[in-house]
Amino acid sequence: MCQTNCYFVYEEGKKEALVFDPADKGDYIFEGLKNKGFTVAAILLTHGHFDHIWGLEALKELTGAKVYAYEEEKEVCENASVNVSKGAGRPCAVKADFYLKDGEEITIAGISLKLVATPGHTKGSCCYYFESDKILISGDTLFQESVGRTDLPTGSMGTLVRSVREKLLALPEDVKVYPGHGESTTIGHEREYNPFL
C-alpha cells in the first residue's frame, strides 16, 4: 500500500542475492527470486518502519538468511508502536541477527558494502554504500528531489538534513541512489535540485 521499493543486489554471473527492505509478501519475493535462480544470502534493513519490514519474517523463514540493521534502529525494529505497524493495523516486531555500527564494512556472498548511518527519518535510519560500483541504497533518507518524512516516532528533520548534507552529499556526484520509494536518482542531481538541501 506504500509502494515501497525492495531491492536485490548480486554479483554478475552469480546467483546469491542481498535483499534490502522486504516491504511485504516475503513469500512472493522469495518465489520471484527463486524463479530467476537466486538464493538469498542476507536481508538488510535501512530502517524499521512497517512498510519496510512486513515481508521480513516470511522471507527469513523461507531462506534462513541472516538479518542486518544499524545498531541505533533496534528499538524501532523491535517495537510495533514505534515502527508504526500497530497503528497501520498489522503489528509487527522484528529482530536483526546482526546490528552494525556506523561505517562498518561487511562482505556477504563476495559483495562488499558499508553501512552509512543517516539518522533523521528514524533515529537509526541508514544507507548502504557499494563504493566500487557507486551505488547507494538510501531507504527513506534521500528521495529524488525530496527527503523522508520526520513526523513519525524518533524522526527529526534537522537531524535528517544534517545526515544527508554531511554523509551523502560528500559522495561522488555520479553515485546512483536507489531510494525506499519512487524513482532512482544521483548524488549530483540531488546536490543541484533537491529543495530540502
N, C-alpha and C. Protein backbone atom coordinates (compact mmCIF):
# COMPACT_ATOMS: atom_id res chain seq x y z
N MET A 1 0.82 -1.21 0.00
CA MET A 1 0.00 0.00 0.00
C MET A 1 0.85 1.26 0.00
N CYS A 2 2.11 1.13 0.39
CA CYS A 2 3.02 2.29 0.42
C CYS A 2 3.94 2.34 -0.78
N GLN A 3 3.81 1.39 -1.69
CA GLN A 3 4.65 1.32 -2.89
C GLN A 3 6.13 1.42 -2.52
N THR A 4 6.51 0.58 -1.57
CA THR A 4 7.90 0.56 -1.10
C THR A 4 8.78 -0.21 -2.08
N ASN A 5 9.95 0.31 -2.33
CA ASN A 5 10.91 -0.38 -3.19
C ASN A 5 11.68 -1.42 -2.39
N CYS A 6 11.74 -2.63 -2.92
CA CYS A 6 12.56 -3.70 -2.35
C CYS A 6 13.61 -4.02 -3.41
N TYR A 7 14.88 -4.02 -3.00
CA TYR A 7 15.96 -4.25 -3.97
C TYR A 7 16.68 -5.56 -3.68
N PHE A 8 17.21 -6.17 -4.72
CA PHE A 8 18.14 -7.26 -4.52
C PHE A 8 19.39 -6.99 -5.34
N VAL A 9 20.53 -7.24 -4.72
CA VAL A 9 21.83 -6.94 -5.31
C VAL A 9 22.61 -8.25 -5.42
N TYR A 10 23.24 -8.45 -6.56
CA TYR A 10 24.02 -9.67 -6.76
C TYR A 10 25.21 -9.36 -7.65
N GLU A 11 26.21 -10.21 -7.57
CA GLU A 11 27.39 -10.06 -8.40
C GLU A 11 27.12 -10.71 -9.75
N GLU A 12 27.47 -10.02 -10.80
CA GLU A 12 27.20 -10.53 -12.15
C GLU A 12 27.77 -11.94 -12.32
N GLY A 13 26.92 -12.83 -12.83
CA GLY A 13 27.34 -14.20 -13.05
C GLY A 13 27.12 -15.12 -11.87
N LYS A 14 26.71 -14.54 -10.73
CA LYS A 14 26.46 -15.35 -9.54
C LYS A 14 24.99 -15.27 -9.17
N LYS A 15 24.54 -16.17 -8.32
CA LYS A 15 23.12 -16.27 -8.02
C LYS A 15 22.78 -16.10 -6.54
N GLU A 16 23.71 -15.56 -5.75
CA GLU A 16 23.42 -15.24 -4.36
C GLU A 16 23.09 -13.76 -4.28
N ALA A 17 21.95 -13.43 -3.70
CA ALA A 17 21.50 -12.04 -3.65
C ALA A 17 21.39 -11.52 -2.23
N LEU A 18 21.64 -10.22 -2.10
CA LEU A 18 21.36 -9.50 -0.86
C LEU A 18 20.04 -8.78 -1.08
N VAL A 19 19.10 -8.96 -0.16
CA VAL A 19 17.78 -8.33 -0.29
C VAL A 19 17.68 -7.18 0.70
N PHE A 20 17.22 -6.03 0.19
CA PHE A 20 17.09 -4.82 1.02
C PHE A 20 15.63 -4.47 1.20
N ASP A 21 15.21 -4.32 2.46
CA ASP A 21 13.87 -3.86 2.82
C ASP A 21 12.74 -4.67 2.19
N PRO A 22 12.55 -5.92 2.65
CA PRO A 22 11.45 -6.72 2.12
C PRO A 22 10.11 -6.19 2.64
N ALA A 23 9.54 -5.28 1.91
CA ALA A 23 8.42 -4.47 2.36
C ALA A 23 7.19 -5.27 2.76
N ASP A 24 6.84 -6.26 1.99
CA ASP A 24 5.65 -7.04 2.28
C ASP A 24 5.70 -8.31 1.43
N LYS A 25 4.90 -9.28 1.77
CA LYS A 25 4.77 -10.51 0.99
C LYS A 25 6.12 -11.17 0.75
N GLY A 26 6.76 -11.55 1.85
CA GLY A 26 8.06 -12.20 1.77
C GLY A 26 8.05 -13.47 0.94
N ASP A 27 6.91 -14.17 0.95
CA ASP A 27 6.80 -15.39 0.15
C ASP A 27 6.82 -15.06 -1.35
N TYR A 28 6.20 -13.95 -1.71
CA TYR A 28 6.18 -13.50 -3.11
C TYR A 28 7.60 -13.12 -3.56
N ILE A 29 8.32 -12.41 -2.71
CA ILE A 29 9.70 -12.02 -3.01
C ILE A 29 10.56 -13.28 -3.18
N PHE A 30 10.38 -14.23 -2.25
CA PHE A 30 11.13 -15.48 -2.31
C PHE A 30 10.87 -16.23 -3.62
N GLU A 31 9.61 -16.36 -3.99
CA GLU A 31 9.26 -17.09 -5.22
C GLU A 31 9.81 -16.38 -6.45
N GLY A 32 9.73 -15.06 -6.46
CA GLY A 32 10.26 -14.30 -7.60
C GLY A 32 11.75 -14.50 -7.79
N LEU A 33 12.48 -14.47 -6.69
CA LEU A 33 13.93 -14.68 -6.76
C LEU A 33 14.25 -16.13 -7.12
N LYS A 34 13.53 -17.06 -6.50
CA LYS A 34 13.75 -18.49 -6.76
C LYS A 34 13.51 -18.81 -8.24
N ASN A 35 12.46 -18.24 -8.80
CA ASN A 35 12.13 -18.49 -10.21
C ASN A 35 13.20 -17.97 -11.16
N LYS A 36 13.98 -17.01 -10.69
CA LYS A 36 15.10 -16.48 -11.51
C LYS A 36 16.42 -17.16 -11.14
N GLY A 37 16.33 -18.15 -10.25
CA GLY A 37 17.51 -18.92 -9.89
C GLY A 37 18.34 -18.36 -8.75
N PHE A 38 17.81 -17.36 -8.03
CA PHE A 38 18.56 -16.72 -6.95
C PHE A 38 18.28 -17.35 -5.60
N THR A 39 19.30 -17.35 -4.75
CA THR A 39 19.13 -17.65 -3.34
C THR A 39 19.41 -16.36 -2.58
N VAL A 40 18.87 -16.27 -1.36
CA VAL A 40 19.03 -15.06 -0.56
C VAL A 40 20.14 -15.28 0.45
N ALA A 41 21.22 -14.52 0.31
CA ALA A 41 22.38 -14.65 1.20
C ALA A 41 22.21 -13.84 2.48
N ALA A 42 21.45 -12.74 2.42
CA ALA A 42 21.24 -11.88 3.60
C ALA A 42 20.09 -10.93 3.33
N ILE A 43 19.51 -10.43 4.41
CA ILE A 43 18.46 -9.42 4.34
C ILE A 43 18.95 -8.21 5.12
N LEU A 44 18.92 -7.05 4.50
CA LEU A 44 19.42 -5.84 5.15
C LEU A 44 18.31 -4.79 5.22
N LEU A 45 18.22 -4.13 6.36
CA LEU A 45 17.19 -3.11 6.58
C LEU A 45 17.81 -1.72 6.62
N THR A 46 17.17 -0.78 5.92
CA THR A 46 17.61 0.62 6.02
C THR A 46 17.00 1.28 7.25
N HIS A 47 15.84 0.78 7.67
CA HIS A 47 15.20 1.23 8.91
C HIS A 47 14.06 0.27 9.22
N GLY A 48 13.40 0.49 10.35
CA GLY A 48 12.44 -0.49 10.82
C GLY A 48 10.98 -0.18 10.65
N HIS A 49 10.61 0.82 9.84
CA HIS A 49 9.19 1.10 9.65
C HIS A 49 8.46 -0.08 9.03
N PHE A 50 7.17 -0.18 9.37
CA PHE A 50 6.35 -1.33 8.96
C PHE A 50 6.41 -1.60 7.46
N ASP A 51 6.43 -0.55 6.66
CA ASP A 51 6.37 -0.73 5.20
C ASP A 51 7.71 -1.20 4.62
N HIS A 52 8.69 -1.41 5.49
CA HIS A 52 9.97 -1.96 5.05
C HIS A 52 10.26 -3.32 5.69
N ILE A 53 9.41 -3.74 6.64
CA ILE A 53 9.71 -4.99 7.36
C ILE A 53 8.60 -6.04 7.31
N TRP A 54 7.43 -5.71 6.81
CA TRP A 54 6.31 -6.65 6.87
C TRP A 54 6.61 -7.98 6.17
N GLY A 55 7.47 -7.98 5.17
CA GLY A 55 7.79 -9.22 4.48
C GLY A 55 8.99 -9.96 5.05
N LEU A 56 9.59 -9.40 6.09
CA LEU A 56 10.85 -9.94 6.60
C LEU A 56 10.74 -11.35 7.15
N GLU A 57 9.80 -11.58 8.06
CA GLU A 57 9.74 -12.87 8.73
C GLU A 57 9.50 -14.02 7.75
N ALA A 58 8.60 -13.82 6.80
CA ALA A 58 8.34 -14.88 5.81
C ALA A 58 9.58 -15.13 4.96
N LEU A 59 10.25 -14.08 4.52
CA LEU A 59 11.44 -14.25 3.69
C LEU A 59 12.55 -14.93 4.47
N LYS A 60 12.71 -14.53 5.72
CA LYS A 60 13.75 -15.14 6.56
C LYS A 60 13.45 -16.63 6.79
N GLU A 61 12.20 -16.93 7.07
CA GLU A 61 11.81 -18.32 7.33
C GLU A 61 12.04 -19.20 6.10
N LEU A 62 11.75 -18.67 4.92
CA LEU A 62 11.89 -19.45 3.69
C LEU A 62 13.34 -19.61 3.25
N THR A 63 14.20 -18.69 3.65
CA THR A 63 15.58 -18.70 3.15
C THR A 63 16.62 -19.03 4.21
N GLY A 64 16.30 -18.79 5.47
CA GLY A 64 17.29 -18.97 6.52
C GLY A 64 18.34 -17.86 6.55
N ALA A 65 18.10 -16.79 5.78
CA ALA A 65 19.06 -15.70 5.67
C ALA A 65 19.13 -14.90 6.98
N LYS A 66 20.31 -14.41 7.30
CA LYS A 66 20.51 -13.55 8.46
C LYS A 66 20.08 -12.12 8.12
N VAL A 67 19.66 -11.40 9.17
CA VAL A 67 19.14 -10.04 9.01
C VAL A 67 20.13 -9.05 9.62
N TYR A 68 20.37 -7.95 8.89
CA TYR A 68 21.30 -6.91 9.32
C TYR A 68 20.56 -5.58 9.41
N ALA A 69 20.92 -4.77 10.42
CA ALA A 69 20.37 -3.42 10.58
C ALA A 69 21.40 -2.59 11.34
N TYR A 70 21.17 -1.29 11.39
CA TYR A 70 22.04 -0.37 12.15
C TYR A 70 21.70 -0.50 13.64
N GLU A 71 22.71 -0.49 14.48
CA GLU A 71 22.51 -0.73 15.92
C GLU A 71 21.57 0.28 16.58
N GLU A 72 21.50 1.50 16.06
CA GLU A 72 20.63 2.51 16.67
C GLU A 72 19.15 2.32 16.31
N GLU A 73 18.85 1.35 15.44
CA GLU A 73 17.47 1.11 15.00
C GLU A 73 16.81 -0.04 15.75
N LYS A 74 17.49 -0.58 16.72
CA LYS A 74 16.99 -1.75 17.45
C LYS A 74 15.58 -1.51 18.03
N GLU A 75 15.38 -0.39 18.70
CA GLU A 75 14.09 -0.11 19.32
C GLU A 75 12.98 -0.01 18.27
N VAL A 76 13.27 0.65 17.16
CA VAL A 76 12.26 0.81 16.11
C VAL A 76 11.88 -0.55 15.53
N CYS A 77 12.87 -1.38 15.24
CA CYS A 77 12.61 -2.71 14.69
C CYS A 77 11.77 -3.57 15.63
N GLU A 78 12.08 -3.48 16.91
CA GLU A 78 11.53 -4.44 17.87
C GLU A 78 10.28 -3.96 18.60
N ASN A 79 9.77 -2.77 18.26
CA ASN A 79 8.61 -2.22 18.96
C ASN A 79 7.53 -1.85 17.94
N ALA A 80 6.39 -2.56 17.98
CA ALA A 80 5.33 -2.38 16.99
C ALA A 80 4.68 -1.00 17.06
N SER A 81 4.75 -0.34 18.21
CA SER A 81 4.20 1.03 18.29
C SER A 81 5.17 2.02 17.66
N VAL A 82 6.45 1.86 17.96
CA VAL A 82 7.45 2.79 17.43
C VAL A 82 7.63 2.64 15.92
N ASN A 83 7.54 1.41 15.40
CA ASN A 83 7.71 1.23 13.96
C ASN A 83 6.41 1.43 13.18
N VAL A 84 5.35 1.82 13.88
CA VAL A 84 4.06 2.23 13.32
C VAL A 84 3.25 1.07 12.73
N SER A 85 3.73 -0.16 12.87
CA SER A 85 2.96 -1.29 12.34
C SER A 85 1.66 -1.49 13.12
N LYS A 86 1.69 -1.23 14.41
CA LYS A 86 0.48 -1.35 15.23
C LYS A 86 -0.58 -0.36 14.76
N GLY A 87 -0.15 0.87 14.52
CA GLY A 87 -1.07 1.90 14.03
C GLY A 87 -1.57 1.63 12.63
N ALA A 88 -0.80 0.87 11.85
CA ALA A 88 -1.19 0.53 10.48
C ALA A 88 -2.09 -0.70 10.44
N GLY A 89 -2.37 -1.29 11.62
CA GLY A 89 -3.32 -2.38 11.69
C GLY A 89 -2.75 -3.78 11.57
N ARG A 90 -1.46 -3.90 11.52
CA ARG A 90 -0.82 -5.21 11.41
C ARG A 90 0.47 -5.20 12.23
N PRO A 91 0.35 -5.33 13.56
CA PRO A 91 1.53 -5.22 14.43
C PRO A 91 2.63 -6.19 14.02
N CYS A 92 3.84 -5.69 14.02
CA CYS A 92 4.99 -6.48 13.59
C CYS A 92 6.23 -5.97 14.31
N ALA A 93 6.97 -6.89 14.89
CA ALA A 93 8.26 -6.54 15.50
C ALA A 93 9.28 -7.54 14.99
N VAL A 94 10.45 -7.06 14.62
CA VAL A 94 11.49 -7.94 14.07
C VAL A 94 12.81 -7.70 14.80
N LYS A 95 13.63 -8.73 14.80
CA LYS A 95 14.96 -8.62 15.41
C LYS A 95 16.00 -8.94 14.36
N ALA A 96 17.01 -8.10 14.29
CA ALA A 96 18.13 -8.38 13.40
C ALA A 96 19.06 -9.39 14.06
N ASP A 97 19.71 -10.19 13.25
CA ASP A 97 20.72 -11.11 13.76
C ASP A 97 22.01 -10.36 14.06
N PHE A 98 22.25 -9.31 13.27
CA PHE A 98 23.46 -8.50 13.42
C PHE A 98 23.09 -7.02 13.39
N TYR A 99 23.45 -6.30 14.44
CA TYR A 99 23.28 -4.85 14.47
C TYR A 99 24.65 -4.22 14.22
N LEU A 100 24.76 -3.51 13.11
CA LEU A 100 26.05 -2.97 12.66
C LEU A 100 26.28 -1.56 13.18
N LYS A 101 27.55 -1.16 13.15
CA LYS A 101 27.94 0.19 13.57
C LYS A 101 28.07 1.11 12.35
N ASP A 102 28.03 2.41 12.61
CA ASP A 102 28.24 3.39 11.55
C ASP A 102 29.61 3.20 10.93
N GLY A 103 29.66 3.13 9.61
CA GLY A 103 30.93 2.99 8.90
C GLY A 103 31.43 1.55 8.81
N GLU A 104 30.70 0.62 9.41
CA GLU A 104 31.14 -0.77 9.38
C GLU A 104 31.03 -1.33 7.97
N GLU A 105 32.10 -1.99 7.55
CA GLU A 105 32.12 -2.62 6.23
C GLU A 105 31.97 -4.12 6.40
N ILE A 106 31.11 -4.70 5.57
CA ILE A 106 30.89 -6.13 5.61
C ILE A 106 30.97 -6.70 4.20
N THR A 107 31.26 -7.99 4.12
CA THR A 107 31.26 -8.69 2.84
C THR A 107 30.40 -9.93 2.99
N ILE A 108 29.38 -10.04 2.15
CA ILE A 108 28.47 -11.17 2.17
C ILE A 108 28.37 -11.70 0.74
N ALA A 109 28.56 -12.99 0.58
CA ALA A 109 28.49 -13.63 -0.74
C ALA A 109 29.42 -12.94 -1.74
N GLY A 110 30.57 -12.50 -1.25
CA GLY A 110 31.55 -11.85 -2.11
C GLY A 110 31.24 -10.41 -2.46
N ILE A 111 30.17 -9.85 -1.87
CA ILE A 111 29.76 -8.47 -2.14
C ILE A 111 30.12 -7.61 -0.93
N SER A 112 30.89 -6.55 -1.16
CA SER A 112 31.31 -5.67 -0.07
C SER A 112 30.49 -4.39 -0.06
N LEU A 113 30.09 -3.97 1.13
CA LEU A 113 29.30 -2.76 1.28
C LEU A 113 29.57 -2.15 2.64
N LYS A 114 29.20 -0.89 2.77
CA LYS A 114 29.43 -0.16 4.02
C LYS A 114 28.13 0.44 4.51
N LEU A 115 27.88 0.32 5.83
CA LEU A 115 26.72 0.97 6.43
C LEU A 115 27.06 2.43 6.71
N VAL A 116 26.20 3.31 6.24
CA VAL A 116 26.35 4.75 6.48
C VAL A 116 25.16 5.18 7.33
N ALA A 117 25.41 5.55 8.57
CA ALA A 117 24.34 6.00 9.47
C ALA A 117 23.81 7.34 9.01
N THR A 118 22.49 7.41 8.82
CA THR A 118 21.85 8.66 8.38
C THR A 118 20.60 8.90 9.21
N PRO A 119 20.74 9.12 10.52
CA PRO A 119 19.56 9.33 11.36
C PRO A 119 18.76 10.54 10.92
N GLY A 120 17.47 10.49 11.23
CA GLY A 120 16.58 11.60 10.91
C GLY A 120 15.19 11.12 10.55
N HIS A 121 15.07 10.25 9.55
CA HIS A 121 13.77 9.65 9.23
C HIS A 121 13.33 8.83 10.44
N THR A 122 14.24 8.03 10.96
CA THR A 122 14.15 7.41 12.28
C THR A 122 15.51 7.60 12.93
N LYS A 123 15.61 7.32 14.22
CA LYS A 123 16.89 7.55 14.89
C LYS A 123 17.99 6.62 14.41
N GLY A 124 17.60 5.49 13.82
CA GLY A 124 18.59 4.54 13.34
C GLY A 124 18.52 4.28 11.85
N SER A 125 18.01 5.23 11.10
CA SER A 125 18.00 5.07 9.64
C SER A 125 19.43 4.99 9.11
N CYS A 126 19.60 4.21 8.06
CA CYS A 126 20.93 4.10 7.47
C CYS A 126 20.82 3.87 5.97
N CYS A 127 21.95 3.99 5.31
CA CYS A 127 22.07 3.68 3.89
C CYS A 127 23.17 2.64 3.74
N TYR A 128 23.18 1.97 2.60
CA TYR A 128 24.24 1.00 2.31
C TYR A 128 24.94 1.44 1.03
N TYR A 129 26.27 1.54 1.13
CA TYR A 129 27.07 2.09 0.04
C TYR A 129 27.99 1.03 -0.54
N PHE A 130 27.86 0.83 -1.84
CA PHE A 130 28.73 -0.07 -2.59
C PHE A 130 29.73 0.82 -3.32
N GLU A 131 30.85 1.09 -2.68
CA GLU A 131 31.79 2.09 -3.19
C GLU A 131 32.33 1.77 -4.57
N SER A 132 32.73 0.52 -4.80
CA SER A 132 33.35 0.19 -6.09
C SER A 132 32.36 0.29 -7.25
N ASP A 133 31.07 0.13 -6.97
CA ASP A 133 30.06 0.21 -8.02
C ASP A 133 29.31 1.54 -8.02
N LYS A 134 29.62 2.39 -7.06
CA LYS A 134 28.97 3.70 -6.93
C LYS A 134 27.45 3.57 -6.87
N ILE A 135 27.01 2.74 -5.93
CA ILE A 135 25.59 2.51 -5.70
C ILE A 135 25.29 2.79 -4.23
N LEU A 136 24.18 3.50 -3.97
CA LEU A 136 23.73 3.77 -2.61
C LEU A 136 22.27 3.34 -2.48
N ILE A 137 22.01 2.43 -1.55
CA ILE A 137 20.63 2.09 -1.19
C ILE A 137 20.26 3.04 -0.06
N SER A 138 19.37 3.98 -0.31
CA SER A 138 19.17 5.09 0.63
C SER A 138 17.95 4.97 1.54
N GLY A 139 17.15 3.92 1.39
CA GLY A 139 15.97 3.80 2.24
C GLY A 139 15.10 5.03 2.13
N ASP A 140 14.60 5.51 3.27
CA ASP A 140 13.75 6.71 3.27
C ASP A 140 14.51 7.95 3.73
N THR A 141 15.84 7.92 3.60
CA THR A 141 16.64 9.09 3.94
C THR A 141 16.61 10.10 2.80
N LEU A 142 16.91 9.64 1.60
CA LEU A 142 17.01 10.53 0.44
C LEU A 142 16.17 9.99 -0.70
N PHE A 143 15.31 10.84 -1.24
CA PHE A 143 14.49 10.51 -2.41
C PHE A 143 14.87 11.42 -3.57
N GLN A 144 14.32 11.12 -4.72
CA GLN A 144 14.52 12.00 -5.87
C GLN A 144 13.86 13.35 -5.55
N GLU A 145 14.71 14.38 -5.39
CA GLU A 145 14.27 15.75 -5.10
C GLU A 145 13.43 15.87 -3.83
N SER A 146 13.69 15.00 -2.87
CA SER A 146 12.99 15.06 -1.60
C SER A 146 13.78 14.30 -0.53
N VAL A 147 13.25 14.29 0.68
CA VAL A 147 13.82 13.51 1.78
C VAL A 147 12.68 12.83 2.51
N GLY A 148 13.01 11.93 3.43
CA GLY A 148 11.99 11.19 4.16
C GLY A 148 11.21 12.05 5.14
N ARG A 149 10.02 11.60 5.46
CA ARG A 149 9.19 12.30 6.44
C ARG A 149 9.82 12.14 7.83
N THR A 150 9.50 13.06 8.71
CA THR A 150 10.10 13.02 10.05
C THR A 150 9.07 13.19 11.16
N ASP A 151 7.78 13.00 10.82
CA ASP A 151 6.71 13.20 11.80
C ASP A 151 6.33 11.93 12.55
N LEU A 152 7.01 10.83 12.29
CA LEU A 152 6.76 9.58 12.99
C LEU A 152 7.74 9.42 14.15
N PRO A 153 7.50 8.47 15.07
CA PRO A 153 8.36 8.35 16.25
C PRO A 153 9.85 8.28 15.92
N THR A 154 10.63 9.00 16.65
CA THR A 154 12.10 9.14 16.61
C THR A 154 12.61 9.95 15.42
N GLY A 155 11.70 10.54 14.62
CA GLY A 155 12.12 11.34 13.47
C GLY A 155 12.53 12.75 13.86
N SER A 156 13.41 13.36 13.04
CA SER A 156 13.86 14.73 13.26
C SER A 156 14.34 15.32 11.93
N MET A 157 13.66 16.37 11.46
CA MET A 157 14.03 16.97 10.17
C MET A 157 15.42 17.58 10.22
N GLY A 158 15.77 18.27 11.29
CA GLY A 158 17.10 18.86 11.39
C GLY A 158 18.19 17.80 11.31
N THR A 159 17.97 16.69 12.02
CA THR A 159 18.94 15.60 12.00
C THR A 159 19.02 14.98 10.62
N LEU A 160 17.88 14.80 9.96
CA LEU A 160 17.85 14.20 8.63
C LEU A 160 18.61 15.04 7.61
N VAL A 161 18.34 16.33 7.58
CA VAL A 161 19.02 17.21 6.63
C VAL A 161 20.52 17.22 6.89
N ARG A 162 20.90 17.24 8.16
CA ARG A 162 22.32 17.20 8.51
C ARG A 162 22.96 15.89 8.04
N SER A 163 22.26 14.78 8.22
CA SER A 163 22.77 13.47 7.77
C SER A 163 23.03 13.47 6.27
N VAL A 164 22.07 13.98 5.51
CA VAL A 164 22.20 13.97 4.05
C VAL A 164 23.33 14.90 3.62
N ARG A 165 23.37 16.09 4.19
CA ARG A 165 24.42 17.06 3.79
C ARG A 165 25.82 16.55 4.13
N GLU A 166 25.97 16.03 5.35
CA GLU A 166 27.31 15.64 5.81
C GLU A 166 27.76 14.28 5.30
N LYS A 167 26.83 13.33 5.18
CA LYS A 167 27.21 11.96 4.82
C LYS A 167 27.00 11.63 3.34
N LEU A 168 25.87 12.04 2.80
CA LEU A 168 25.54 11.60 1.44
C LEU A 168 26.03 12.55 0.36
N LEU A 169 25.89 13.84 0.58
CA LEU A 169 26.34 14.79 -0.45
C LEU A 169 27.86 14.82 -0.57
N ALA A 170 28.55 14.20 0.38
CA ALA A 170 30.01 14.08 0.32
C ALA A 170 30.44 12.98 -0.65
N LEU A 171 29.50 12.15 -1.08
CA LEU A 171 29.82 11.06 -2.01
C LEU A 171 29.99 11.62 -3.42
N PRO A 172 30.66 10.88 -4.32
CA PRO A 172 30.83 11.35 -5.70
C PRO A 172 29.49 11.62 -6.38
N GLU A 173 29.47 12.61 -7.25
CA GLU A 173 28.20 13.03 -7.85
C GLU A 173 27.57 11.97 -8.75
N ASP A 174 28.37 11.03 -9.25
CA ASP A 174 27.81 10.01 -10.14
C ASP A 174 27.34 8.75 -9.40
N VAL A 175 27.31 8.81 -8.07
CA VAL A 175 26.77 7.68 -7.30
C VAL A 175 25.27 7.60 -7.58
N LYS A 176 24.81 6.43 -7.96
CA LYS A 176 23.39 6.18 -8.24
C LYS A 176 22.68 5.88 -6.94
N VAL A 177 21.58 6.55 -6.69
CA VAL A 177 20.83 6.44 -5.45
C VAL A 177 19.53 5.68 -5.69
N TYR A 178 19.33 4.61 -4.92
CA TYR A 178 18.12 3.81 -5.01
C TYR A 178 17.33 3.97 -3.71
N PRO A 179 16.25 4.78 -3.75
CA PRO A 179 15.50 5.10 -2.53
C PRO A 179 14.43 4.08 -2.18
N GLY A 180 13.88 4.24 -0.98
CA GLY A 180 12.84 3.34 -0.49
C GLY A 180 11.50 3.52 -1.17
N HIS A 181 11.30 4.64 -1.83
CA HIS A 181 10.06 4.91 -2.57
C HIS A 181 10.43 5.76 -3.78
N GLY A 182 9.73 5.59 -4.87
CA GLY A 182 9.94 6.44 -6.04
C GLY A 182 11.10 6.00 -6.91
N GLU A 183 11.49 6.91 -7.81
CA GLU A 183 12.50 6.63 -8.83
C GLU A 183 13.92 6.82 -8.31
N SER A 184 14.86 6.20 -8.99
CA SER A 184 16.27 6.37 -8.64
C SER A 184 16.75 7.76 -9.05
N THR A 185 17.89 8.16 -8.50
CA THR A 185 18.46 9.47 -8.80
C THR A 185 19.98 9.36 -8.66
N THR A 186 20.66 10.49 -8.63
CA THR A 186 22.11 10.50 -8.39
C THR A 186 22.43 11.56 -7.34
N ILE A 187 23.58 11.41 -6.73
CA ILE A 187 24.01 12.41 -5.75
C ILE A 187 24.15 13.77 -6.42
N GLY A 188 24.71 13.81 -7.62
CA GLY A 188 24.86 15.08 -8.33
C GLY A 188 23.54 15.77 -8.59
N HIS A 189 22.53 15.00 -8.98
CA HIS A 189 21.20 15.57 -9.23
C HIS A 189 20.62 16.16 -7.94
N GLU A 190 20.78 15.44 -6.85
CA GLU A 190 20.21 15.92 -5.58
C GLU A 190 20.95 17.15 -5.06
N ARG A 191 22.26 17.22 -5.28
CA ARG A 191 23.00 18.42 -4.89
C ARG A 191 22.42 19.65 -5.57
N GLU A 192 22.03 19.48 -6.83
CA GLU A 192 21.58 20.63 -7.63
C GLU A 192 20.10 20.94 -7.48
N TYR A 193 19.26 19.89 -7.33
CA TYR A 193 17.81 20.11 -7.46
C TYR A 193 16.99 19.79 -6.22
N ASN A 194 17.59 19.24 -5.16
CA ASN A 194 16.78 18.87 -4.00
C ASN A 194 16.49 20.10 -3.15
N PRO A 195 15.21 20.54 -3.08
CA PRO A 195 14.87 21.77 -2.36
C PRO A 195 15.07 21.68 -0.85
N PHE A 196 15.15 20.49 -0.30
CA PHE A 196 15.33 20.32 1.14
C PHE A 196 16.78 20.53 1.57
N LEU A 197 17.70 20.55 0.59
CA LEU A 197 19.12 20.57 0.92
C LEU A 197 19.77 21.90 0.54
